[in-house]
Amino acid sequence: MKPYIANLVFAVLLIVMSLWGYLTSDNPSFTALIPTFAGAILLALTPSLKKENKTIAHIVVILTVLLIIALIKPLTAAFGRSDNMAIIRVLVMMGWGVVAMGVYVKSFVAARRK
């Protein structure tokens, strides 16, 4: 898989999952939209990533790592509320973030070997 495709899927998942959580919540919090904004940023960076811009690639990696770490708090909160749908949504976002990181690292290793 190409890094820009992994990034595109991750960005769309962040947007869709966080909007879903926000819109279906009984008492929505504005902070639930943080992944939406981060997904929009990643989405905007996708064309540059497709052109193999190294600076953008590093920005995408850093943002992805920060997002994976930042999603730990919503995951623990969802477990505390025993909210199974929230747990699934956050795990999907985190899981794809880890997959995307694997694709990015594989791409960096391949570029380094060239």
PDB file of N, CA and C in Angstrom:
ATOM      1  N   MET A   1       0.840  -1.176   0.000  1.00  0.00           N
ATOM      2  CA  MET A   1       0.000   0.000   0.000  1.00  0.00           C
ATOM      3  C   MET A   1       0.888   1.243   0.000  1.00  0.00           C
ATOM      4  N   LYS A   2       0.482   2.229  -0.719  1.00  0.00           N
ATOM      5  CA  LYS A   2       1.225   3.491  -0.800  1.00  0.00           C
ATOM      6  C   LYS A   2       0.917   4.356   0.428  1.00  0.00           C
ATOM      7  N   PRO A   3       1.889   5.136   0.886  1.00  0.00           N
ATOM      8  CA  PRO A   3       1.671   5.987   2.063  1.00  0.00           C
ATOM      9  C   PRO A   3       0.511   6.973   1.900  1.00  0.00           C
ATOM     10  N   TYR A   4       0.343   7.518   0.705  1.00  0.00           N
ATOM     11  CA  TYR A   4      -0.729   8.495   0.545  1.00  0.00           C
ATOM     12  C   TYR A   4      -2.108   7.839   0.652  1.00  0.00           C
ATOM     13  N   ILE A   5      -2.217   6.570   0.272  1.00  0.00           N
ATOM     14  CA  ILE A   5      -3.488   5.858   0.404  1.00  0.00           C
ATOM     15  C   ILE A   5      -3.770   5.572   1.882  1.00  0.00           C
ATOM     16  N   ALA A   6      -2.742   5.124   2.606  1.00  0.00           N
ATOM     17  CA  ALA A   6      -2.901   4.887   4.046  1.00  0.00           C
ATOM     18  C   ALA A   6      -3.302   6.184   4.751  1.00  0.00           C
ATOM     19  N   ASN A   7      -2.687   7.286   4.345  1.00  0.00           N
ATOM     20  CA  ASN A   7      -3.008   8.581   4.928  1.00  0.00           C
ATOM     21  C   ASN A   7      -4.443   8.996   4.593  1.00  0.00           C
ATOM     22  N   LEU A   8      -4.844   8.780   3.361  1.00  0.00           N
ATOM     23  CA  LEU A   8      -6.193   9.132   2.933  1.00  0.00           C
ATOM     24  C   LEU A   8      -7.243   8.349   3.725  1.00  0.00           C
ATOM     25  N   VAL A   9      -7.033   7.056   3.866  1.00  0.00           N
ATOM     26  CA  VAL A   9      -7.973   6.224   4.617  1.00  0.00           C
ATOM     27  C   VAL A   9      -8.006   6.658   6.083  1.00  0.00           C
ATOM     28  N   PHE A  10      -6.828   6.908   6.667  1.00  0.00           N
ATOM     29  CA  PHE A  10      -6.751   7.339   8.063  1.00  0.00           C
ATOM     30  C   PHE A  10      -7.478   8.666   8.249  1.00  0.00           C
ATOM     31  N   ALA A  11      -7.268   9.604   7.343  1.00  0.00           N
ATOM     32  CA  ALA A  11      -7.912  10.915   7.438  1.00  0.00           C
ATOM     33  C   ALA A  11      -9.434  10.786   7.370  1.00  0.00           C
ATOM     34  N   VAL A  12      -9.913   9.998   6.428  1.00  0.00           N
ATOM     35  CA  VAL A  12     -11.369   9.831   6.274  1.00  0.00           C
ATOM     36  C   VAL A  12     -11.952   9.126   7.502  1.00  0.00           C
ATOM     37  N   LEU A  13     -11.256   8.111   8.008  1.00  0.00           N
ATOM     38  CA  LEU A  13     -11.734   7.430   9.207  1.00  0.00           C
ATOM     39  C   LEU A  13     -11.797   8.374  10.401  1.00  0.00           C
ATOM     40  N   LEU A  14     -10.775   9.202  10.565  1.00  0.00           N
ATOM     41  CA  LEU A  14     -10.793  10.169  11.667  1.00  0.00           C
ATOM     42  C   LEU A  14     -12.007  11.086  11.562  1.00  0.00           C
ATOM     43  N   ILE A  15     -12.246  11.583  10.365  1.00  0.00           N
ATOM     44  CA  ILE A  15     -13.367  12.506  10.161  1.00  0.00           C
ATOM     45  C   ILE A  15     -14.698  11.811  10.413  1.00  0.00           C
ATOM     46  N   VAL A  16     -14.899  10.670   9.798  1.00  0.00           N
ATOM     47  CA  VAL A  16     -16.183   9.971   9.895  1.00  0.00           C
ATOM     48  C   VAL A  16     -16.443   9.478  11.318  1.00  0.00           C
ATOM     49  N   MET A  17     -15.465   8.836  11.914  1.00  0.00           N
ATOM     50  CA  MET A  17     -15.665   8.270  13.253  1.00  0.00           C
ATOM     51  C   MET A  17     -15.897   9.354  14.303  1.00  0.00           C
ATOM     52  N   SER A  18     -15.141  10.436  14.235  1.00  0.00           N
ATOM     53  CA  SER A  18     -15.321  11.476  15.253  1.00  0.00           C
ATOM     54  C   SER A  18     -16.634  12.231  15.047  1.00  0.00           C
ATOM     55  N   LEU A  19     -17.028  12.464  13.800  1.00  0.00           N
ATOM     56  CA  LEU A  19     -18.334  13.094  13.559  1.00  0.00           C
ATOM     57  C   LEU A  19     -19.469  12.182  14.027  1.00  0.00           C
ATOM     58  N   TRP A  20     -19.328  10.896  13.758  1.00  0.00           N
ATOM     59  CA  TRP A  20     -20.320   9.930  14.214  1.00  0.00           C
ATOM     60  C   TRP A  20     -20.451   9.996  15.741  1.00  0.00           C
ATOM     61  N   GLY A  21     -19.321   9.974  16.427  1.00  0.00           N
ATOM     62  CA  GLY A  21     -19.350  10.034  17.886  1.00  0.00           C
ATOM     63  C   GLY A  21     -19.950  11.333  18.401  1.00  0.00           C
ATOM     64  N   TYR A  22     -19.598  12.427  17.767  1.00  0.00           N
ATOM     65  CA  TYR A  22     -20.104  13.735  18.187  1.00  0.00           C
ATOM     66  C   TYR A  22     -21.610  13.849  17.949  1.00  0.00           C
ATOM     67  N   LEU A  23     -22.056  13.439  16.777  1.00  0.00           N
ATOM     68  CA  LEU A  23     -23.467  13.605  16.417  1.00  0.00           C
ATOM     69  C   LEU A  23     -24.397  12.634  17.131  1.00  0.00           C
ATOM     70  N   THR A  24     -23.893  11.506  17.582  1.00  0.00           N
ATOM     71  CA  THR A  24     -24.741  10.530  18.267  1.00  0.00           C
ATOM     72  C   THR A  24     -24.642  10.603  19.784  1.00  0.00           C
ATOM     73  N   SER A  25     -23.831  11.499  20.293  1.00  0.00           N
ATOM     74  CA  SER A  25     -23.646  11.618  21.734  1.00  0.00           C
ATOM     75  C   SER A  25     -24.827  12.324  22.392  1.00  0.00           C
ATOM     76  N   ASP A  26     -25.145  11.887  23.590  1.00  0.00           N
ATOM     77  CA  ASP A  26     -26.213  12.542  24.353  1.00  0.00           C
ATOM     78  C   ASP A  26     -25.801  13.941  24.794  1.00  0.00           C
ATOM     79  N   ASN A  27     -24.540  14.090  25.161  1.00  0.00           N
ATOM     80  CA  ASN A  27     -24.008  15.401  25.542  1.00  0.00           C
ATOM     81  C   ASN A  27     -22.666  15.606  24.842  1.00  0.00           C
ATOM     82  N   PRO A  28     -22.742  16.016  23.571  1.00  0.00           N
ATOM     83  CA  PRO A  28     -21.515  16.130  22.768  1.00  0.00           C
ATOM     84  C   PRO A  28     -20.563  17.203  23.309  1.00  0.00           C
ATOM     85  N   SER A  29     -19.286  16.877  23.237  1.00  0.00           N
ATOM     86  CA  SER A  29     -18.239  17.805  23.632  1.00  0.00           C
ATOM     87  C   SER A  29     -17.484  18.244  22.381  1.00  0.00           C
ATOM     88  N   PHE A  30     -17.118  19.513  22.362  1.00  0.00           N
ATOM     89  CA  PHE A  30     -16.388  20.046  21.210  1.00  0.00           C
ATOM     90  C   PHE A  30     -15.062  19.303  21.001  1.00  0.00           C
ATOM     91  N   THR A  31     -14.492  18.788  22.084  1.00  0.00           N
ATOM     92  CA  THR A  31     -13.213  18.073  21.961  1.00  0.00           C
ATOM     93  C   THR A  31     -13.355  16.785  21.150  1.00  0.00           C
ATOM     94  N   ALA A  32     -14.577  16.273  21.032  1.00  0.00           N
ATOM     95  CA  ALA A  32     -14.796  15.072  20.216  1.00  0.00           C
ATOM     96  C   ALA A  32     -14.531  15.357  18.739  1.00  0.00           C
ATOM     97  N   LEU A  33     -14.478  16.633  18.374  1.00  0.00           N
ATOM     98  CA  LEU A  33     -14.238  17.003  16.979  1.00  0.00           C
ATOM     99  C   LEU A  33     -12.753  17.195  16.658  1.00  0.00           C
ATOM    100  N   ILE A  34     -11.895  17.046  17.631  1.00  0.00           N
ATOM    101  CA  ILE A  34     -10.455  17.193  17.381  1.00  0.00           C
ATOM    102  C   ILE A  34      -9.982  16.226  16.291  1.00  0.00           C
ATOM    103  N   PRO A  35     -10.374  14.937  16.337  1.00  0.00           N
ATOM    104  CA  PRO A  35      -9.965  14.050  15.235  1.00  0.00           C
ATOM    105  C   PRO A  35     -10.502  14.497  13.871  1.00  0.00           C
ATOM    106  N   THR A  36     -11.657  15.155  13.858  1.00  0.00           N
ATOM    107  CA  THR A  36     -12.194  15.665  12.593  1.00  0.00           C
ATOM    108  C   THR A  36     -11.259  16.707  12.002  1.00  0.00           C
ATOM    109  N   PHE A  37     -10.805  17.632  12.827  1.00  0.00           N
ATOM    110  CA  PHE A  37      -9.895  18.672  12.347  1.00  0.00           C
ATOM    111  C   PHE A  37      -8.542  18.086  11.954  1.00  0.00           C
ATOM    112  N   ALA A  38      -8.049  17.135  12.756  1.00  0.00           N
ATOM    113  CA  ALA A  38      -6.778  16.482  12.419  1.00  0.00           C
ATOM    114  C   ALA A  38      -6.906  15.700  11.119  1.00  0.00           C
ATOM    115  N   GLY A  39      -8.047  15.037  10.932  1.00  0.00           N
ATOM    116  CA  GLY A  39      -8.290  14.309   9.686  1.00  0.00           C
ATOM    117  C   GLY A  39      -8.337  15.245   8.493  1.00  0.00           C
ATOM    118  N   ALA A  40      -8.924  16.425   8.686  1.00  0.00           N
ATOM    119  CA  ALA A  40      -8.975  17.415   7.601  1.00  0.00           C
ATOM    120  C   ALA A  40      -7.565  17.881   7.238  1.00  0.00           C
ATOM    121  N   ILE A  41      -6.724  18.057   8.237  1.00  0.00           N
ATOM    122  CA  ILE A  41      -5.329  18.459   7.979  1.00  0.00           C
ATOM    123  C   ILE A  41      -4.610  17.351   7.207  1.00  0.00           C
ATOM    124  N   LEU A  42      -4.759  16.109   7.668  1.00  0.00           N
ATOM    125  CA  LEU A  42      -4.124  14.990   6.961  1.00  0.00           C
ATOM    126  C   LEU A  42      -4.652  14.865   5.537  1.00  0.00           C
ATOM    127  N   LEU A  43      -5.939  15.082   5.371  1.00  0.00           N
ATOM    128  CA  LEU A  43      -6.542  15.040   4.043  1.00  0.00           C
ATOM    129  C   LEU A  43      -5.934  16.110   3.137  1.00  0.00           C
ATOM    130  N   ALA A  44      -5.728  17.297   3.680  1.00  0.00           N
ATOM    131  CA  ALA A  44      -5.135  18.392   2.901  1.00  0.00           C
ATOM    132  C   ALA A  44      -3.678  18.099   2.540  1.00  0.00           C
ATOM    133  N   LEU A  45      -2.985  17.302   3.362  1.00  0.00           N
ATOM    134  CA  LEU A  45      -1.581  16.978   3.105  1.00  0.00           C
ATOM    135  C   LEU A  45      -1.412  15.806   2.127  1.00  0.00           C
ATOM    136  N   THR A  46      -2.484  15.091   1.850  1.00  0.00           N
ATOM    137  CA  THR A  46      -2.408  13.902   0.999  1.00  0.00           C
ATOM    138  C   THR A  46      -1.824  14.169  -0.393  1.00  0.00           C
ATOM    139  N   PRO A  47      -2.230  15.229  -1.106  1.00  0.00           N
ATOM    140  CA  PRO A  47      -1.641  15.453  -2.442  1.00  0.00           C
ATOM    141  C   PRO A  47      -0.114  15.640  -2.394  1.00  0.00           C
ATOM    142  N   SER A  48       0.387  16.349  -1.389  1.00  0.00           N
ATOM    143  CA  SER A  48       1.839  16.523  -1.267  1.00  0.00           C
ATOM    144  C   SER A  48       2.519  15.216  -0.909  1.00  0.00           C
ATOM    145  N   LEU A  49       1.842  14.404  -0.111  1.00  0.00           N
ATOM    146  CA  LEU A  49       2.387  13.102   0.242  1.00  0.00           C
ATOM    147  C   LEU A  49       2.446  12.207  -0.996  1.00  0.00           C
ATOM    148  N   LYS A  50       1.447  12.330  -1.856  1.00  0.00           N
ATOM    149  CA  LYS A  50       1.428  11.554  -3.097  1.00  0.00           C
ATOM    150  C   LYS A  50       2.597  11.943  -4.000  1.00  0.00           C
ATOM    151  N   LYS A  51       2.981  13.218  -3.960  1.00  0.00           N
ATOM    152  CA  LYS A  51       4.123  13.692  -4.752  1.00  0.00           C
ATOM    153  C   LYS A  51       5.456  13.368  -4.085  1.00  0.00           C
ATOM    154  N   GLU A  52       5.401  12.621  -2.970  1.00  0.00           N
ATOM    155  CA  GLU A  52       6.577  12.175  -2.218  1.00  0.00           C
ATOM    156  C   GLU A  52       7.399  13.322  -1.655  1.00  0.00           C
ATOM    157  N   ASN A  53       6.717  14.355  -1.167  1.00  0.00           N
ATOM    158  CA  ASN A  53       7.364  15.469  -0.492  1.00  0.00           C
ATOM    159  C   ASN A  53       7.833  14.976   0.880  1.00  0.00           C
ATOM    160  N   LYS A  54       9.147  14.977   1.095  1.00  0.00           N
ATOM    161  CA  LYS A  54       9.717  14.407   2.318  1.00  0.00           C
ATOM    162  C   LYS A  54       9.328  15.191   3.565  1.00  0.00           C
ATOM    163  N   THR A  55       9.285  16.504   3.454  1.00  0.00           N
ATOM    164  CA  THR A  55       8.915  17.324   4.609  1.00  0.00           C
ATOM    165  C   THR A  55       7.479  17.018   5.028  1.00  0.00           C
ATOM    166  N   ILE A  56       6.587  16.956   4.070  1.00  0.00           N
ATOM    167  CA  ILE A  56       5.186  16.642   4.353  1.00  0.00           C
ATOM    168  C   ILE A  56       5.070  15.231   4.927  1.00  0.00           C
ATOM    169  N   ALA A  57       5.851  14.306   4.404  1.00  0.00           N
ATOM    170  CA  ALA A  57       5.820  12.935   4.915  1.00  0.00           C
ATOM    171  C   ALA A  57       6.190  12.900   6.392  1.00  0.00           C
ATOM    172  N   HIS A  58       7.186  13.668   6.784  1.00  0.00           N
ATOM    173  CA  HIS A  58       7.576  13.708   8.192  1.00  0.00           C
ATOM    174  C   HIS A  58       6.513  14.382   9.052  1.00  0.00           C
ATOM    175  N   ILE A  59       5.882  15.402   8.530  1.00  0.00           N
ATOM    176  CA  ILE A  59       4.793  16.063   9.257  1.00  0.00           C
ATOM    177  C   ILE A  59       3.633  15.081   9.463  1.00  0.00           C
ATOM    178  N   VAL A  60       3.311  14.325   8.431  1.00  0.00           N
ATOM    179  CA  VAL A  60       2.231  13.335   8.516  1.00  0.00           C
ATOM    180  C   VAL A  60       2.556  12.282   9.565  1.00  0.00           C
ATOM    181  N   VAL A  61       3.794  11.821   9.589  1.00  0.00           N
ATOM    182  CA  VAL A  61       4.197  10.812  10.572  1.00  0.00           C
ATOM    183  C   VAL A  61       4.079  11.366  11.989  1.00  0.00           C
ATOM    184  N   ILE A  62       4.572  12.573  12.202  1.00  0.00           N
ATOM    185  CA  ILE A  62       4.502  13.172  13.536  1.00  0.00           C
ATOM    186  C   ILE A  62       3.046  13.366  13.964  1.00  0.00           C
ATOM    187  N   LEU A  63       2.223  13.862  13.074  1.00  0.00           N
ATOM    188  CA  LEU A  63       0.811  14.065  13.389  1.00  0.00           C
ATOM    189  C   LEU A  63       0.113  12.732  13.685  1.00  0.00           C
ATOM    190  N   THR A  64       0.457  11.704  12.935  1.00  0.00           N
ATOM    191  CA  THR A  64      -0.138  10.387  13.162  1.00  0.00           C
ATOM    192  C   THR A  64       0.246   9.832  14.527  1.00  0.00           C
ATOM    193  N   VAL A  65       1.512   9.953  14.892  1.00  0.00           N
ATOM    194  CA  VAL A  65       1.959   9.486  16.211  1.00  0.00           C
ATOM    195  C   VAL A  65       1.231  10.252  17.315  1.00  0.00           C
ATOM    196  N   LEU A  66       1.145  11.568  17.167  1.00  0.00           N
ATOM    197  CA  LEU A  66       0.449  12.377  18.171  1.00  0.00           C
ATOM    198  C   LEU A  66      -1.022  11.986  18.278  1.00  0.00           C
ATOM    199  N   LEU A  67      -1.647  11.702  17.163  1.00  0.00           N
ATOM    200  CA  LEU A  67      -3.055  11.301  17.184  1.00  0.00           C
ATOM    201  C   LEU A  67      -3.252   9.950  17.870  1.00  0.00           C
ATOM    202  N   ILE A  68      -2.382   9.010  17.584  1.00  0.00           N
ATOM    203  CA  ILE A  68      -2.483   7.698  18.231  1.00  0.00           C
ATOM    204  C   ILE A  68      -2.364   7.860  19.746  1.00  0.00           C
ATOM    205  N   ILE A  69      -1.401   8.657  20.176  1.00  0.00           N
ATOM    206  CA  ILE A  69      -1.215   8.897  21.613  1.00  0.00           C
ATOM    207  C   ILE A  69      -2.415   9.640  22.196  1.00  0.00           C
ATOM    208  N   ALA A  70      -2.893  10.647  21.479  1.00  0.00           N
ATOM    209  CA  ALA A  70      -4.017  11.451  21.969  1.00  0.00           C
ATOM    210  C   ALA A  70      -5.305  10.644  22.076  1.00  0.00           C
ATOM    211  N   LEU A  71      -5.449   9.602  21.303  1.00  0.00           N
ATOM    212  CA  LEU A  71      -6.659   8.792  21.344  1.00  0.00           C
ATOM    213  C   LEU A  71      -6.716   7.848  22.542  1.00  0.00           C
ATOM    214  N   ILE A  72      -5.630   7.774  23.299  1.00  0.00           N
ATOM    215  CA  ILE A  72      -5.629   6.924  24.495  1.00  0.00           C
ATOM    216  C   ILE A  72      -6.637   7.434  25.522  1.00  0.00           C
ATOM    217  N   LYS A  73      -6.697   8.746  25.731  1.00  0.00           N
ATOM    218  CA  LYS A  73      -7.623   9.326  26.706  1.00  0.00           C
ATOM    219  C   LYS A  73      -9.085   9.047  26.343  1.00  0.00           C
ATOM    220  N   PRO A  74      -9.529   9.301  25.109  1.00  0.00           N
ATOM    221  CA  PRO A  74     -10.913   8.950  24.782  1.00  0.00           C
ATOM    222  C   PRO A  74     -11.198   7.450  24.920  1.00  0.00           C
ATOM    223  N   LEU A  75     -10.197   6.623  24.662  1.00  0.00           N
ATOM    224  CA  LEU A  75     -10.387   5.182  24.803  1.00  0.00           C
ATOM    225  C   LEU A  75     -10.611   4.815  26.265  1.00  0.00           C
ATOM    226  N   THR A  76      -9.788   5.348  27.150  1.00  0.00           N
ATOM    227  CA  THR A  76      -9.973   5.052  28.580  1.00  0.00           C
ATOM    228  C   THR A  76     -11.299   5.607  29.084  1.00  0.00           C
ATOM    229  N   ALA A  77     -11.706   6.775  28.590  1.00  0.00           N
ATOM    230  CA  ALA A  77     -13.000   7.342  28.990  1.00  0.00           C
ATOM    231  C   ALA A  77     -14.145   6.462  28.490  1.00  0.00           C
ATOM    232  N   ALA A  78     -14.036   5.951  27.279  1.00  0.00           N
ATOM    233  CA  ALA A  78     -15.078   5.074  26.736  1.00  0.00           C
ATOM    234  C   ALA A  78     -15.168   3.779  27.536  1.00  0.00           C
ATOM    235  N   PHE A  79     -14.022   3.240  27.948  1.00  0.00           N
ATOM    236  CA  PHE A  79     -14.036   2.049  28.804  1.00  0.00           C
ATOM    237  C   PHE A  79     -14.693   2.371  30.140  1.00  0.00           C
ATOM    238  N   GLY A  80     -14.397   3.547  30.697  1.00  0.00           N
ATOM    239  CA  GLY A  80     -14.982   3.965  31.974  1.00  0.00           C
ATOM    240  C   GLY A  80     -16.495   4.092  31.906  1.00  0.00           C
ATOM    241  N   ARG A  81     -17.009   4.509  30.763  1.00  0.00           N
ATOM    242  CA  ARG A  81     -18.461   4.643  30.565  1.00  0.00           C
ATOM    243  C   ARG A  81     -19.097   3.338  30.099  1.00  0.00           C
ATOM    244  N   SER A  82     -18.288   2.336  29.803  1.00  0.00           N
ATOM    245  CA  SER A  82     -18.745   1.075  29.219  1.00  0.00           C
ATOM    246  C   SER A  82     -19.534   1.324  27.934  1.00  0.00           C
ATOM    247  N   ASP A  83     -19.048   2.281  27.148  1.00  0.00           N
ATOM    248  CA  ASP A  83     -19.679   2.658  25.882  1.00  0.00           C
ATOM    249  C   ASP A  83     -19.013   1.862  24.758  1.00  0.00           C
ATOM    250  N   ASN A  84     -19.629   0.736  24.418  1.00  0.00           N
ATOM    251  CA  ASN A  84     -19.017  -0.172  23.441  1.00  0.00           C
ATOM    252  C   ASN A  84     -18.834   0.452  22.068  1.00  0.00           C
ATOM    253  N   MET A  85     -19.782   1.254  21.611  1.00  0.00           N
ATOM    254  CA  MET A  85     -19.640   1.878  20.293  1.00  0.00           C
ATOM    255  C   MET A  85     -18.479   2.875  20.288  1.00  0.00           C
ATOM    256  N   ALA A  86     -18.337   3.633  21.361  1.00  0.00           N
ATOM    257  CA  ALA A  86     -17.216   4.579  21.453  1.00  0.00           C
ATOM    258  C   ALA A  86     -15.890   3.824  21.475  1.00  0.00           C
ATOM    259  N   ILE A  87     -15.857   2.724  22.197  1.00  0.00           N
ATOM    260  CA  ILE A  87     -14.636   1.902  22.244  1.00  0.00           C
ATOM    261  C   ILE A  87     -14.281   1.430  20.836  1.00  0.00           C
ATOM    262  N   ILE A  88     -15.262   0.951  20.104  1.00  0.00           N
ATOM    263  CA  ILE A  88     -15.019   0.465  18.743  1.00  0.00           C
ATOM    264  C   ILE A  88     -14.539   1.601  17.840  1.00  0.00           C
ATOM    265  N   ARG A  89     -15.211   2.769  17.929  1.00  0.00           N
ATOM    266  CA  ARG A  89     -14.816   3.901  17.088  1.00  0.00           C
ATOM    267  C   ARG A  89     -13.369   4.314  17.361  1.00  0.00           C
ATOM    268  N   VAL A  90     -13.009   4.421  18.634  1.00  0.00           N
ATOM    269  CA  VAL A  90     -11.652   4.856  18.973  1.00  0.00           C
ATOM    270  C   VAL A  90     -10.631   3.786  18.583  1.00  0.00           C
ATOM    271  N   LEU A  91     -10.970   2.514  18.803  1.00  0.00           N
ATOM    272  CA  LEU A  91     -10.048   1.444  18.413  1.00  0.00           C
ATOM    273  C   LEU A  91      -9.844   1.392  16.901  1.00  0.00           C
ATOM    274  N   VAL A  92     -10.895   1.671  16.141  1.00  0.00           N
ATOM    275  CA  VAL A  92     -10.751   1.717  14.678  1.00  0.00           C
ATOM    276  C   VAL A  92      -9.797   2.846  14.294  1.00  0.00           C
ATOM    277  N   MET A  93      -9.986   4.017  14.896  1.00  0.00           N
ATOM    278  CA  MET A  93      -9.094   5.147  14.581  1.00  0.00           C
ATOM    279  C   MET A  93      -7.654   4.832  14.981  1.00  0.00           C
ATOM    280  N   MET A  94      -7.470   4.307  16.188  1.00  0.00           N
ATOM    281  CA  MET A  94      -6.118   3.979  16.641  1.00  0.00           C
ATOM    282  C   MET A  94      -5.504   2.860  15.806  1.00  0.00           C
ATOM    283  N   GLY A  95      -6.297   1.837  15.523  1.00  0.00           N
ATOM    284  CA  GLY A  95      -5.794   0.695  14.751  1.00  0.00           C
ATOM    285  C   GLY A  95      -5.337   1.104  13.371  1.00  0.00           C
ATOM    286  N   TRP A  96      -6.142   1.927  12.689  1.00  0.00           N
ATOM    287  CA  TRP A  96      -5.713   2.359  11.367  1.00  0.00           C
ATOM    288  C   TRP A  96      -4.527   3.300  11.460  1.00  0.00           C
ATOM    289  N   GLY A  97      -4.436   4.062  12.544  1.00  0.00           N
ATOM    290  CA  GLY A  97      -3.263   4.910  12.744  1.00  0.00           C
ATOM    291  C   GLY A  97      -1.993   4.075  12.838  1.00  0.00           C
ATOM    292  N   VAL A  98      -2.085   2.956  13.541  1.00  0.00           N
ATOM    293  CA  VAL A  98      -0.930   2.049  13.656  1.00  0.00           C
ATOM    294  C   VAL A  98      -0.607   1.433  12.296  1.00  0.00           C
ATOM    295  N   VAL A  99      -1.631   1.036  11.558  1.00  0.00           N
ATOM    296  CA  VAL A  99      -1.415   0.484  10.207  1.00  0.00           C
ATOM    297  C   VAL A  99      -0.739   1.541   9.324  1.00  0.00           C
ATOM    298  N   ALA A 100      -1.245   2.769   9.366  1.00  0.00           N
ATOM    299  CA  ALA A 100      -0.658   3.845   8.568  1.00  0.00           C
ATOM    300  C   ALA A 100       0.804   4.073   8.962  1.00  0.00           C
ATOM    301  N   MET A 101       1.084   4.029  10.260  1.00  0.00           N
ATOM    302  CA  MET A 101       2.480   4.188  10.703  1.00  0.00           C
ATOM    303  C   MET A 101       3.364   3.092  10.120  1.00  0.00           C
ATOM    304  N   GLY A 102       2.863   1.878  10.098  1.00  0.00           N
ATOM    305  CA  GLY A 102       3.618   0.778   9.501  1.00  0.00           C
ATOM    306  C   GLY A 102       3.910   1.027   8.031  1.00  0.00           C
ATOM    307  N   VAL A 103       2.926   1.543   7.315  1.00  0.00           N
ATOM    308  CA  VAL A 103       3.108   1.858   5.890  1.00  0.00           C
ATOM    309  C   VAL A 103       4.138   2.975   5.731  1.00  0.00           C
ATOM    310  N   TYR A 104       4.047   3.999   6.592  1.00  0.00           N
ATOM    311  CA  TYR A 104       5.001   5.115   6.506  1.00  0.00           C
ATOM    312  C   TYR A 104       6.427   4.636   6.761  1.00  0.00           C
ATOM    313  N   VAL A 105       6.604   3.828   7.800  1.00  0.00           N
ATOM    314  CA  VAL A 105       7.943   3.331   8.138  1.00  0.00           C
ATOM    315  C   VAL A 105       8.480   2.459   7.013  1.00  0.00           C
ATOM    316  N   LYS A 106       7.637   1.591   6.473  1.00  0.00           N
ATOM    317  CA  LYS A 106       8.054   0.739   5.355  1.00  0.00           C
ATOM    318  C   LYS A 106       8.491   1.601   4.166  1.00  0.00           C
ATOM    319  N   SER A 107       7.759   2.669   3.914  1.00  0.00           N
ATOM    320  CA  SER A 107       8.095   3.584   2.819  1.00  0.00           C
ATOM    321  C   SER A 107       9.426   4.288   3.074  1.00  0.00           C
ATOM    322  N   PHE A 108       9.640   4.729   4.328  1.00  0.00           N
ATOM    323  CA  PHE A 108      10.899   5.395   4.664  1.00  0.00           C
ATOM    324  C   PHE A 108      12.084   4.443   4.504  1.00  0.00           C
ATOM    325  N   VAL A 109      11.905   3.195   4.917  1.00  0.00           N
ATOM    326  CA  VAL A 109      12.977   2.206   4.796  1.00  0.00           C
ATOM    327  C   VAL A 109      13.277   1.947   3.312  1.00  0.00           C
ATOM    328  N   ALA A 110      12.236   1.805   2.518  1.00  0.00           N
ATOM    329  CA  ALA A 110      12.428   1.573   1.080  1.00  0.00           C
ATOM    330  C   ALA A 110      13.121   2.763   0.415  1.00  0.00           C
ATOM    331  N   ALA A 111      12.764   3.973   0.802  1.00  0.00           N
ATOM    332  CA  ALA A 111      13.396   5.174   0.240  1.00  0.00           C
ATOM    333  C   ALA A 111      14.856   5.258   0.662  1.00  0.00           C
ATOM    334  N   ARG A 112      15.123   4.858   1.874  1.00  0.00           N
ATOM    335  CA  ARG A 112      16.501   4.895   2.378  1.00  0.00           C
ATOM    336  C   ARG A 112      17.384   3.890   1.633  1.00  0.00           C
ATOM    337  N   ARG A 113      16.814   2.751   1.300  1.00  0.00           N
ATOM    338  CA  ARG A 113      17.578   1.718   0.581  1.00  0.00           C
ATOM    339  C   ARG A 113      17.923   2.149  -0.836  1.00  0.00           C
ATOM    340  N   LYS A 114      17.077   3.022  -1.415  1.00  0.00           N
ATOM    341  CA  LYS A 114      17.355   3.512  -2.770  1.00  0.00           C
ATOM    342  C   LYS A 114      18.526   4.439  -2.707  1.00  0.00           C
TER     343      LYS A 114
END
